[in-house]
Amino acid sequence: DETAKASKVKGVFDSVASKYDIMNDLMSMGLHRAWKAYTVA
């Protein structure tokens, strides 16, 4: 249900918040930094 999605997404990010940055580096092999740098440019 549409009304349930926001709370489910909240649960995901509540769970990953403390490890979010290190997981980004591991998942993307550091590429997320280049993607963001390009966005800033």
PDB file of all heavy atoms in Angstrom:
ATOM      1  N   ASP A   1       0.847  -1.191   0.000  1.00  0.00           N
ATOM      2  CA  ASP A   1       0.000   0.000   0.000  1.00  0.00           C
ATOM      3  C   ASP A   1       0.881   1.239   0.000  1.00  0.00           C
ATOM      4  O   ASP A   1       1.925   1.279   0.669  1.00  0.00           O
ATOM      5  CB  ASP A   1      -0.903   0.021   1.241  1.00  0.00           C
ATOM      6  CG  ASP A   1      -1.991  -1.038   1.183  1.00  0.00           C
ATOM      7  OD1 ASP A   1      -2.341  -1.456   0.064  1.00  0.00           O
ATOM      8  OD2 ASP A   1      -2.483  -1.451   2.254  1.00  0.00           O
ATOM      9  N   GLU A   2       0.440   2.265  -0.722  1.00  0.00           N
ATOM     10  CA  GLU A   2       1.220   3.506  -0.783  1.00  0.00           C
ATOM     11  C   GLU A   2       1.510   4.062   0.604  1.00  0.00           C
ATOM     12  O   GLU A   2       2.577   4.603   0.860  1.00  0.00           O
ATOM     13  CB  GLU A   2       0.474   4.555  -1.614  1.00  0.00           C
ATOM     14  CG  GLU A   2       0.540   4.321  -3.111  1.00  0.00           C
ATOM     15  CD  GLU A   2      -0.046   5.476  -3.886  1.00  0.00           C
ATOM     16  OE1 GLU A   2      -0.739   6.323  -3.268  1.00  0.00           O
ATOM     17  OE2 GLU A   2       0.187   5.546  -5.104  1.00  0.00           O
ATOM     18  N   THR A   3       0.535   3.941   1.497  1.00  0.00           N
ATOM     19  CA  THR A   3       0.693   4.504   2.843  1.00  0.00           C
ATOM     20  C   THR A   3       1.756   3.772   3.658  1.00  0.00           C
ATOM     21  O   THR A   3       2.247   4.308   4.653  1.00  0.00           O
ATOM     22  CB  THR A   3      -0.641   4.455   3.600  1.00  0.00           C
ATOM     23  OG1 THR A   3      -1.132   3.105   3.591  1.00  0.00           O
ATOM     24  CG2 THR A   3      -1.665   5.367   2.946  1.00  0.00           C
ATOM     25  N   ALA A   4       2.114   2.570   3.239  1.00  0.00           N
ATOM     26  CA  ALA A   4       3.084   1.782   3.996  1.00  0.00           C
ATOM     27  C   ALA A   4       4.516   1.977   3.516  1.00  0.00           C
ATOM     28  O   ALA A   4       5.465   1.670   4.244  1.00  0.00           O
ATOM     29  CB  ALA A   4       2.733   0.300   3.911  1.00  0.00           C
ATOM     30  N   LYS A   5       4.688   2.482   2.298  1.00  0.00           N
ATOM     31  CA  LYS A   5       6.038   2.529   1.733  1.00  0.00           C
ATOM     32  C   LYS A   5       6.969   3.423   2.538  1.00  0.00           C
ATOM     33  O   LYS A   5       8.112   3.038   2.819  1.00  0.00           O
ATOM     34  CB  LYS A   5       6.006   2.997   0.275  1.00  0.00           C
ATOM     35  CG  LYS A   5       7.423   3.058  -0.331  1.00  0.00           C
ATOM     36  CD  LYS A   5       7.433   3.287  -1.810  1.00  0.00           C
ATOM     37  CE  LYS A   5       8.854   3.353  -2.355  1.00  0.00           C
ATOM     38  NZ  LYS A   5       8.918   3.468  -3.820  1.00  0.00           N
ATOM     39  N   ALA A   6       6.513   4.606   2.906  1.00  0.00           N
ATOM     40  CA  ALA A   6       7.388   5.545   3.611  1.00  0.00           C
ATOM     41  C   ALA A   6       7.947   4.941   4.893  1.00  0.00           C
ATOM     42  O   ALA A   6       9.142   5.100   5.199  1.00  0.00           O
ATOM     43  CB  ALA A   6       6.649   6.841   3.910  1.00  0.00           C
ATOM     44  N   SER A   7       7.109   4.233   5.642  1.00  0.00           N
ATOM     45  CA  SER A   7       7.588   3.649   6.895  1.00  0.00           C
ATOM     46  C   SER A   7       8.567   2.510   6.634  1.00  0.00           C
ATOM     47  O   SER A   7       9.520   2.305   7.397  1.00  0.00           O
ATOM     48  CB  SER A   7       6.417   3.165   7.745  1.00  0.00           C
ATOM     49  OG  SER A   7       5.714   2.120   7.098  1.00  0.00           O
ATOM     50  N   LYS A   8       8.349   1.760   5.549  1.00  0.00           N
ATOM     51  CA  LYS A   8       9.274   0.685   5.202  1.00  0.00           C
ATOM     52  C   LYS A   8      10.631   1.240   4.778  1.00  0.00           C
ATOM     53  O   LYS A   8      11.685   0.719   5.159  1.00  0.00           O
ATOM     54  CB  LYS A   8       8.669  -0.183   4.098  1.00  0.00           C
ATOM     55  CG  LYS A   8       7.536  -1.098   4.576  1.00  0.00           C
ATOM     56  CD  LYS A   8       7.014  -1.959   3.431  1.00  0.00           C
ATOM     57  CE  LYS A   8       6.001  -2.970   3.926  1.00  0.00           C
ATOM     58  NZ  LYS A   8       6.642  -4.026   4.758  1.00  0.00           N
ATOM     59  N   VAL A   9      10.605   2.312   3.972  1.00  0.00           N
ATOM     60  CA  VAL A   9      11.861   2.953   3.568  1.00  0.00           C
ATOM     61  C   VAL A   9      12.566   3.520   4.792  1.00  0.00           C
ATOM     62  O   VAL A   9      13.792   3.432   4.927  1.00  0.00           O
ATOM     63  CB  VAL A   9      11.596   4.048   2.515  1.00  0.00           C
ATOM     64  CG1 VAL A   9      12.865   4.857   2.257  1.00  0.00           C
ATOM     65  CG2 VAL A   9      11.112   3.423   1.209  1.00  0.00           C
ATOM     66  N   LYS A  10      11.792   4.118   5.700  1.00  0.00           N
ATOM     67  CA  LYS A  10      12.372   4.645   6.936  1.00  0.00           C
ATOM     68  C   LYS A  10      13.104   3.544   7.698  1.00  0.00           C
ATOM     69  O   LYS A  10      14.208   3.763   8.207  1.00  0.00           O
ATOM     70  CB  LYS A  10      11.284   5.254   7.815  1.00  0.00           C
ATOM     71  CG  LYS A  10      11.791   5.817   9.148  1.00  0.00           C
ATOM     72  CD  LYS A  10      10.654   6.415   9.958  1.00  0.00           C
ATOM     73  CE  LYS A  10      11.192   7.043  11.249  1.00  0.00           C
ATOM     74  NZ  LYS A  10      11.862   6.086  12.144  1.00  0.00           N
ATOM     75  N   GLY A  11      12.496   2.365   7.764  1.00  0.00           N
ATOM     76  CA  GLY A  11      13.132   1.258   8.455  1.00  0.00           C
ATOM     77  C   GLY A  11      14.463   0.875   7.843  1.00  0.00           C
ATOM     78  O   GLY A  11      15.432   0.586   8.562  1.00  0.00           O
ATOM     79  N   VAL A  12      14.525   0.897   6.515  1.00  0.00           N
ATOM     80  CA  VAL A  12      15.780   0.586   5.820  1.00  0.00           C
ATOM     81  C   VAL A  12      16.869   1.564   6.221  1.00  0.00           C
ATOM     82  O   VAL A  12      17.984   1.181   6.605  1.00  0.00           O
ATOM     83  CB  VAL A  12      15.576   0.598   4.292  1.00  0.00           C
ATOM     84  CG1 VAL A  12      16.927   0.546   3.576  1.00  0.00           C
ATOM     85  CG2 VAL A  12      14.703  -0.571   3.860  1.00  0.00           C
ATOM     86  N   PHE A  13      16.564   2.864   6.147  1.00  0.00           N
ATOM     87  CA  PHE A  13      17.608   3.856   6.378  1.00  0.00           C
ATOM     88  C   PHE A  13      17.898   4.075   7.859  1.00  0.00           C
ATOM     89  O   PHE A  13      19.014   4.478   8.212  1.00  0.00           O
ATOM     90  CB  PHE A  13      17.270   5.151   5.641  1.00  0.00           C
ATOM     91  CG  PHE A  13      17.495   5.025   4.165  1.00  0.00           C
ATOM     92  CD1 PHE A  13      16.456   4.696   3.311  1.00  0.00           C
ATOM     93  CD2 PHE A  13      18.761   5.181   3.628  1.00  0.00           C
ATOM     94  CE1 PHE A  13      16.666   4.537   1.946  1.00  0.00           C
ATOM     95  CE2 PHE A  13      18.987   5.026   2.269  1.00  0.00           C
ATOM     96  CZ  PHE A  13      17.940   4.700   1.424  1.00  0.00           C
ATOM     97  N   ASP A  14      16.933   3.807   8.729  1.00  0.00           N
ATOM     98  CA  ASP A  14      17.249   3.773  10.153  1.00  0.00           C
ATOM     99  C   ASP A  14      18.304   2.701  10.418  1.00  0.00           C
ATOM    100  O   ASP A  14      19.213   2.884  11.225  1.00  0.00           O
ATOM    101  CB  ASP A  14      15.996   3.443  10.976  1.00  0.00           C
ATOM    102  CG  ASP A  14      15.063   4.632  11.134  1.00  0.00           C
ATOM    103  OD1 ASP A  14      15.470   5.761  10.796  1.00  0.00           O
ATOM    104  OD2 ASP A  14      13.919   4.428  11.595  1.00  0.00           O
ATOM    105  N   SER A  15      18.167   1.580   9.725  1.00  0.00           N
ATOM    106  CA  SER A  15      19.067   0.447   9.935  1.00  0.00           C
ATOM    107  C   SER A  15      20.470   0.716   9.411  1.00  0.00           C
ATOM    108  O   SER A  15      21.459   0.309  10.036  1.00  0.00           O
ATOM    109  CB  SER A  15      18.491  -0.806   9.264  1.00  0.00           C
ATOM    110  OG  SER A  15      19.390  -1.885   9.344  1.00  0.00           O
ATOM    111  N   VAL A  16      20.574   1.403   8.268  1.00  0.00           N
ATOM    112  CA  VAL A  16      21.889   1.527   7.608  1.00  0.00           C
ATOM    113  C   VAL A  16      22.601   2.833   7.900  1.00  0.00           C
ATOM    114  O   VAL A  16      23.756   2.997   7.509  1.00  0.00           O
ATOM    115  CB  VAL A  16      21.750   1.359   6.075  1.00  0.00           C
ATOM    116  CG1 VAL A  16      21.080   0.029   5.740  1.00  0.00           C
ATOM    117  CG2 VAL A  16      20.983   2.521   5.440  1.00  0.00           C
ATOM    118  N   ALA A  17      21.956   3.779   8.581  1.00  0.00           N
ATOM    119  CA  ALA A  17      22.516   5.132   8.732  1.00  0.00           C
ATOM    120  C   ALA A  17      23.936   5.135   9.288  1.00  0.00           C
ATOM    121  O   ALA A  17      24.820   5.832   8.774  1.00  0.00           O
ATOM    122  CB  ALA A  17      21.599   5.988   9.605  1.00  0.00           C
ATOM    123  N   SER A  18      24.177   4.362  10.344  1.00  0.00           N
ATOM    124  CA  SER A  18      25.490   4.420  11.002  1.00  0.00           C
ATOM    125  C   SER A  18      26.612   3.850  10.145  1.00  0.00           C
ATOM    126  O   SER A  18      27.782   4.183  10.342  1.00  0.00           O
ATOM    127  CB  SER A  18      25.436   3.679  12.342  1.00  0.00           C
ATOM    128  OG  SER A  18      25.175   2.299  12.134  1.00  0.00           O
ATOM    129  N   LYS A  19      26.272   2.989   9.185  1.00  0.00           N
ATOM    130  CA  LYS A  19      27.286   2.372   8.335  1.00  0.00           C
ATOM    131  C   LYS A  19      27.176   2.846   6.885  1.00  0.00           C
ATOM    132  O   LYS A  19      27.826   2.286   5.997  1.00  0.00           O
ATOM    133  CB  LYS A  19      27.139   0.844   8.366  1.00  0.00           C
ATOM    134  CG  LYS A  19      27.324   0.216   9.739  1.00  0.00           C
ATOM    135  CD  LYS A  19      28.776   0.277  10.187  1.00  0.00           C
ATOM    136  CE  LYS A  19      28.985  -0.480  11.478  1.00  0.00           C
ATOM    137  NZ  LYS A  19      30.393  -0.434  11.932  1.00  0.00           N
ATOM    138  N   TYR A  20      26.380   3.878   6.660  1.00  0.00           N
ATOM    139  CA  TYR A  20      26.053   4.273   5.294  1.00  0.00           C
ATOM    140  C   TYR A  20      27.291   4.655   4.478  1.00  0.00           C
ATOM    141  O   TYR A  20      27.454   4.227   3.337  1.00  0.00           O
ATOM    142  CB  TYR A  20      25.070   5.445   5.327  1.00  0.00           C
ATOM    143  CG  TYR A  20      24.506   5.827   3.982  1.00  0.00           C
ATOM    144  CD1 TYR A  20      23.498   5.064   3.391  1.00  0.00           C
ATOM    145  CD2 TYR A  20      24.958   6.942   3.295  1.00  0.00           C
ATOM    146  CE1 TYR A  20      22.967   5.400   2.161  1.00  0.00           C
ATOM    147  CE2 TYR A  20      24.433   7.289   2.063  1.00  0.00           C
ATOM    148  CZ  TYR A  20      23.446   6.526   1.498  1.00  0.00           C
ATOM    149  OH  TYR A  20      22.925   6.864   0.283  1.00  0.00           O
ATOM    150  N   ASP A  21      28.176   5.436   5.073  1.00  0.00           N
ATOM    151  CA  ASP A  21      29.329   5.932   4.317  1.00  0.00           C
ATOM    152  C   ASP A  21      30.321   4.821   3.977  1.00  0.00           C
ATOM    153  O   ASP A  21      30.789   4.721   2.847  1.00  0.00           O
ATOM    154  CB  ASP A  21      30.029   7.055   5.090  1.00  0.00           C
ATOM    155  CG  ASP A  21      29.179   8.311   5.154  1.00  0.00           C
ATOM    156  OD1 ASP A  21      28.572   8.653   4.125  1.00  0.00           O
ATOM    157  OD2 ASP A  21      29.114   8.936   6.222  1.00  0.00           O
ATOM    158  N   ILE A  22      30.628   3.986   4.957  1.00  0.00           N
ATOM    159  CA  ILE A  22      31.570   2.901   4.669  1.00  0.00           C
ATOM    160  C   ILE A  22      30.967   1.906   3.690  1.00  0.00           C
ATOM    161  O   ILE A  22      31.654   1.381   2.808  1.00  0.00           O
ATOM    162  CB  ILE A  22      32.013   2.194   5.968  1.00  0.00           C
ATOM    163  CG1 ILE A  22      33.151   1.214   5.654  1.00  0.00           C
ATOM    164  CG2 ILE A  22      30.857   1.477   6.650  1.00  0.00           C
ATOM    165  CD1 ILE A  22      33.813   0.644   6.896  1.00  0.00           C
ATOM    166  N   MET A  23      29.646   1.697   3.776  1.00  0.00           N
ATOM    167  CA  MET A  23      28.998   0.803   2.823  1.00  0.00           C
ATOM    168  C   MET A  23      29.012   1.392   1.416  1.00  0.00           C
ATOM    169  O   MET A  23      29.169   0.664   0.428  1.00  0.00           O
ATOM    170  CB  MET A  23      27.570   0.498   3.266  1.00  0.00           C
ATOM    171  CG  MET A  23      27.465  -0.541   4.368  1.00  0.00           C
ATOM    172  SD  MET A  23      28.100  -2.175   3.876  1.00  0.00           S
ATOM    173  CE  MET A  23      26.973  -2.602   2.539  1.00  0.00           C
ATOM    174  N   ASN A  24      28.853   2.697   1.294  1.00  0.00           N
ATOM    175  CA  ASN A  24      28.928   3.330  -0.025  1.00  0.00           C
ATOM    176  C   ASN A  24      30.290   3.079  -0.666  1.00  0.00           C
ATOM    177  O   ASN A  24      30.383   2.783  -1.867  1.00  0.00           O
ATOM    178  CB  ASN A  24      28.681   4.839   0.085  1.00  0.00           C
ATOM    179  CG  ASN A  24      27.216   5.191   0.051  1.00  0.00           C
ATOM    180  OD1 ASN A  24      26.369   4.354  -0.232  1.00  0.00           O
ATOM    181  ND2 ASN A  24      26.904   6.439   0.352  1.00  0.00           N
ATOM    182  N   ASP A  25      31.336   3.221   0.125  1.00  0.00           N
ATOM    183  CA  ASP A  25      32.678   2.979  -0.412  1.00  0.00           C
ATOM    184  C   ASP A  25      32.848   1.519  -0.834  1.00  0.00           C
ATOM    185  O   ASP A  25      33.399   1.230  -1.900  1.00  0.00           O
ATOM    186  CB  ASP A  25      33.734   3.347   0.639  1.00  0.00           C
ATOM    187  CG  ASP A  25      34.020   4.833   0.689  1.00  0.00           C
ATOM    188  OD1 ASP A  25      33.935   5.487  -0.377  1.00  0.00           O
ATOM    189  OD2 ASP A  25      34.320   5.354   1.770  1.00  0.00           O
ATOM    190  N   LEU A  26      32.376   0.607  -0.005  1.00  0.00           N
ATOM    191  CA  LEU A  26      32.522  -0.814  -0.325  1.00  0.00           C
ATOM    192  C   LEU A  26      31.654  -1.213  -1.521  1.00  0.00           C
ATOM    193  O   LEU A  26      32.123  -1.923  -2.424  1.00  0.00           O
ATOM    194  CB  LEU A  26      32.149  -1.654   0.894  1.00  0.00           C
ATOM    195  CG  LEU A  26      33.107  -1.581   2.083  1.00  0.00           C
ATOM    196  CD1 LEU A  26      32.512  -2.292   3.286  1.00  0.00           C
ATOM    197  CD2 LEU A  26      34.461  -2.183   1.724  1.00  0.00           C
ATOM    198  N   MET A  27      30.396  -0.775  -1.531  1.00  0.00           N
ATOM    199  CA  MET A  27      29.465  -1.177  -2.597  1.00  0.00           C
ATOM    200  C   MET A  27      29.910  -0.693  -3.959  1.00  0.00           C
ATOM    201  O   MET A  27      29.804  -1.400  -4.956  1.00  0.00           O
ATOM    202  CB  MET A  27      28.059  -0.639  -2.309  1.00  0.00           C
ATOM    203  CG  MET A  27      27.336  -1.322  -1.179  1.00  0.00           C
ATOM    204  SD  MET A  27      25.613  -0.772  -1.061  1.00  0.00           S
ATOM    205  CE  MET A  27      25.799   0.996  -0.852  1.00  0.00           C
ATOM    206  N   SER A  28      30.391   0.555  -3.998  1.00  0.00           N
ATOM    207  CA  SER A  28      30.729   1.158  -5.291  1.00  0.00           C
ATOM    208  C   SER A  28      32.219   1.097  -5.592  1.00  0.00           C
ATOM    209  O   SER A  28      32.654   1.604  -6.623  1.00  0.00           O
ATOM    210  CB  SER A  28      30.278   2.622  -5.319  1.00  0.00           C
ATOM    211  OG  SER A  28      31.090   3.420  -4.466  1.00  0.00           O
ATOM    212  N   MET A  29      32.990   0.487  -4.672  1.00  0.00           N
ATOM    213  CA  MET A  29      34.454   0.462  -4.799  1.00  0.00           C
ATOM    214  C   MET A  29      35.000   1.879  -4.926  1.00  0.00           C
ATOM    215  O   MET A  29      35.941   2.143  -5.677  1.00  0.00           O
ATOM    216  CB  MET A  29      34.876  -0.418  -5.982  1.00  0.00           C
ATOM    217  CG  MET A  29      34.561  -1.885  -5.761  1.00  0.00           C
ATOM    218  SD  MET A  29      34.816  -2.943  -7.212  1.00  0.00           S
ATOM    219  CE  MET A  29      33.341  -2.541  -8.162  1.00  0.00           C
ATOM    220  N   GLY A  30      34.375   2.791  -4.196  1.00  0.00           N
ATOM    221  CA  GLY A  30      34.809   4.188  -4.156  1.00  0.00           C
ATOM    222  C   GLY A  30      34.289   5.052  -5.285  1.00  0.00           C
ATOM    223  O   GLY A  30      34.497   6.265  -5.280  1.00  0.00           O
ATOM    224  N   LEU A  31      33.596   4.452  -6.247  1.00  0.00           N
ATOM    225  CA  LEU A  31      33.144   5.216  -7.410  1.00  0.00           C
ATOM    226  C   LEU A  31      32.112   6.281  -7.067  1.00  0.00           C
ATOM    227  O   LEU A  31      31.983   7.280  -7.790  1.00  0.00           O
ATOM    228  CB  LEU A  31      32.565   4.272  -8.471  1.00  0.00           C
ATOM    229  CG  LEU A  31      33.586   3.493  -9.302  1.00  0.00           C
ATOM    230  CD1 LEU A  31      32.874   2.449 -10.159  1.00  0.00           C
ATOM    231  CD2 LEU A  31      34.390   4.442 -10.184  1.00  0.00           C
ATOM    232  N   HIS A  32      31.379   6.099  -5.959  1.00  0.00           N
ATOM    233  CA  HIS A  32      30.366   7.108  -5.614  1.00  0.00           C
ATOM    234  C   HIS A  32      31.008   8.479  -5.414  1.00  0.00           C
ATOM    235  O   HIS A  32      30.361   9.511  -5.650  1.00  0.00           O
ATOM    236  CB  HIS A  32      29.585   6.687  -4.359  1.00  0.00           C
ATOM    237  CG  HIS A  32      30.318   6.869  -3.069  1.00  0.00           C
ATOM    238  ND1 HIS A  32      30.096   7.935  -2.221  1.00  0.00           N
ATOM    239  CD2 HIS A  32      31.272   6.109  -2.476  1.00  0.00           C
ATOM    240  CE1 HIS A  32      30.879   7.831  -1.173  1.00  0.00           C
ATOM    241  NE2 HIS A  32      31.600   6.738  -1.297  1.00  0.00           N
ATOM    242  N   ARG A  33      32.264   8.506  -5.009  1.00  0.00           N
ATOM    243  CA  ARG A  33      32.960   9.783  -4.825  1.00  0.00           C
ATOM    244  C   ARG A  33      33.169  10.483  -6.170  1.00  0.00           C
ATOM    245  O   ARG A  33      33.005  11.708  -6.280  1.00  0.00           O
ATOM    246  CB  ARG A  33      34.300   9.561  -4.126  1.00  0.00           C
ATOM    247  CG  ARG A  33      34.148   8.984  -2.727  1.00  0.00           C
ATOM    248  CD  ARG A  33      35.499   8.673  -2.085  1.00  0.00           C
ATOM    249  NE  ARG A  33      35.338   8.066  -0.781  1.00  0.00           N
ATOM    250  CZ  ARG A  33      35.209   8.743   0.355  1.00  0.00           C
ATOM    251  NH1 ARG A  33      35.247  10.073   0.338  1.00  0.00           N
ATOM    252  NH2 ARG A  33      35.064   8.105   1.507  1.00  0.00           N
ATOM    253  N   ALA A  34      33.512   9.713  -7.199  1.00  0.00           N
ATOM    254  CA  ALA A  34      33.679  10.291  -8.537  1.00  0.00           C
ATOM    255  C   ALA A  34      32.337  10.748  -9.099  1.00  0.00           C
ATOM    256  O   ALA A  34      32.255  11.806  -9.730  1.00  0.00           O
ATOM    257  CB  ALA A  34      34.337   9.272  -9.468  1.00  0.00           C
ATOM    258  N   TRP A  35      31.271   9.966  -8.883  1.00  0.00           N
ATOM    259  CA  TRP A  35      29.950  10.355  -9.373  1.00  0.00           C
ATOM    260  C   TRP A  35      29.498  11.672  -8.735  1.00  0.00           C
ATOM    261  O   TRP A  35      28.952  12.544  -9.416  1.00  0.00           O
ATOM    262  CB  TRP A  35      28.928   9.260  -9.061  1.00  0.00           C
ATOM    263  CG  TRP A  35      29.216   7.931  -9.671  1.00  0.00           C
ATOM    264  CD1 TRP A  35      29.896   7.685 -10.838  1.00  0.00           C
ATOM    265  CD2 TRP A  35      28.848   6.635  -9.153  1.00  0.00           C
ATOM    266  NE1 TRP A  35      29.967   6.331 -11.076  1.00  0.00           N
ATOM    267  CE2 TRP A  35      29.330   5.663 -10.064  1.00  0.00           C
ATOM    268  CE3 TRP A  35      28.156   6.222  -8.017  1.00  0.00           C
ATOM    269  CZ2 TRP A  35      29.136   4.295  -9.856  1.00  0.00           C
ATOM    270  CZ3 TRP A  35      27.967   4.860  -7.806  1.00  0.00           C
ATOM    271  CH2 TRP A  35      28.451   3.912  -8.730  1.00  0.00           C
ATOM    272  N   LYS A  36      29.746  11.802  -7.457  1.00  0.00           N
ATOM    273  CA  LYS A  36      29.345  13.030  -6.755  1.00  0.00           C
ATOM    274  C   LYS A  36      30.225  14.200  -7.167  1.00  0.00           C
ATOM    275  O   LYS A  36      29.738  15.327  -7.315  1.00  0.00           O
ATOM    276  CB  LYS A  36      29.387  12.806  -5.246  1.00  0.00           C
ATOM    277  CG  LYS A  36      28.300  11.850  -4.757  1.00  0.00           C
ATOM    278  CD  LYS A  36      28.507  11.447  -3.298  1.00  0.00           C
ATOM    279  CE  LYS A  36      27.464  10.437  -2.865  1.00  0.00           C
ATOM    280  NZ  LYS A  36      27.735   9.887  -1.526  1.00  0.00           N
ATOM    281  N   ALA A  37      31.512  13.951  -7.363  1.00  0.00           N
ATOM    282  CA  ALA A  37      32.410  15.022  -7.798  1.00  0.00           C
ATOM    283  C   ALA A  37      31.989  15.543  -9.174  1.00  0.00           C
ATOM    284  O   ALA A  37      32.020  16.755  -9.438  1.00  0.00           O
ATOM    285  CB  ALA A  37      33.856  14.527  -7.831  1.00  0.00           C
ATOM    286  N   TYR A  38      31.582  14.630 -10.050  1.00  0.00           N
ATOM    287  CA  TYR A  38      31.104  15.044 -11.369  1.00  0.00           C
ATOM    288  C   TYR A  38      29.831  15.877 -11.236  1.00  0.00           C
ATOM    289  O   TYR A  38      29.656  16.884 -11.933  1.00  0.00           O
ATOM    290  CB  TYR A  38      30.844  13.816 -12.240  1.00  0.00           C
ATOM    291  CG  TYR A  38      30.389  14.152 -13.642  1.00  0.00           C
ATOM    292  CD1 TYR A  38      31.306  14.588 -14.601  1.00  0.00           C
ATOM    293  CD2 TYR A  38      29.053  14.049 -14.013  1.00  0.00           C
ATOM    294  CE1 TYR A  38      30.904  14.902 -15.886  1.00  0.00           C
ATOM    295  CE2 TYR A  38      28.636  14.366 -15.294  1.00  0.00           C
ATOM    296  CZ  TYR A  38      29.568  14.796 -16.225  1.00  0.00           C
ATOM    297  OH  TYR A  38      29.156  15.130 -17.501  1.00  0.00           O
ATOM    298  N   THR A  39      28.957  15.478 -10.334  1.00  0.00           N
ATOM    299  CA  THR A  39      27.721  16.227 -10.104  1.00  0.00           C
ATOM    300  C   THR A  39      28.018  17.642  -9.627  1.00  0.00           C
ATOM    301  O   THR A  39      27.406  18.609 -10.091  1.00  0.00           O
ATOM    302  CB  THR A  39      26.848  15.489  -9.067  1.00  0.00           C
ATOM    303  OG1 THR A  39      26.539  14.180  -9.567  1.00  0.00           O
ATOM    304  CG2 THR A  39      25.556  16.238  -8.786  1.00  0.00           C
ATOM    305  N   VAL A  40      28.967  17.771  -8.730  1.00  0.00           N
ATOM    306  CA  VAL A  40      29.353  19.099  -8.236  1.00  0.00           C
ATOM    307  C   VAL A  40      29.936  19.941  -9.372  1.00  0.00           C
ATOM    308  O   VAL A  40      29.657  21.143  -9.481  1.00  0.00           O
ATOM    309  CB  VAL A  40      30.364  18.971  -7.075  1.00  0.00           C
ATOM    310  CG1 VAL A  40      30.902  20.346  -6.663  1.00  0.00           C
ATOM    311  CG2 VAL A  40      29.704  18.278  -5.884  1.00  0.00           C
ATOM    312  N   ALA A  41      30.724  19.315 -10.234  1.00  0.00           N
ATOM    313  CA  ALA A  41      31.293  20.054 -11.371  1.00  0.00           C
ATOM    314  C   ALA A  41      30.198  20.530 -12.313  1.00  0.00           C
ATOM    315  O   ALA A  41      30.220  21.678 -12.780  1.00  0.00           O
ATOM    316  CB  ALA A  41      32.296  19.167 -12.112  1.00  0.00           C
TER     317      ALA A  41
END
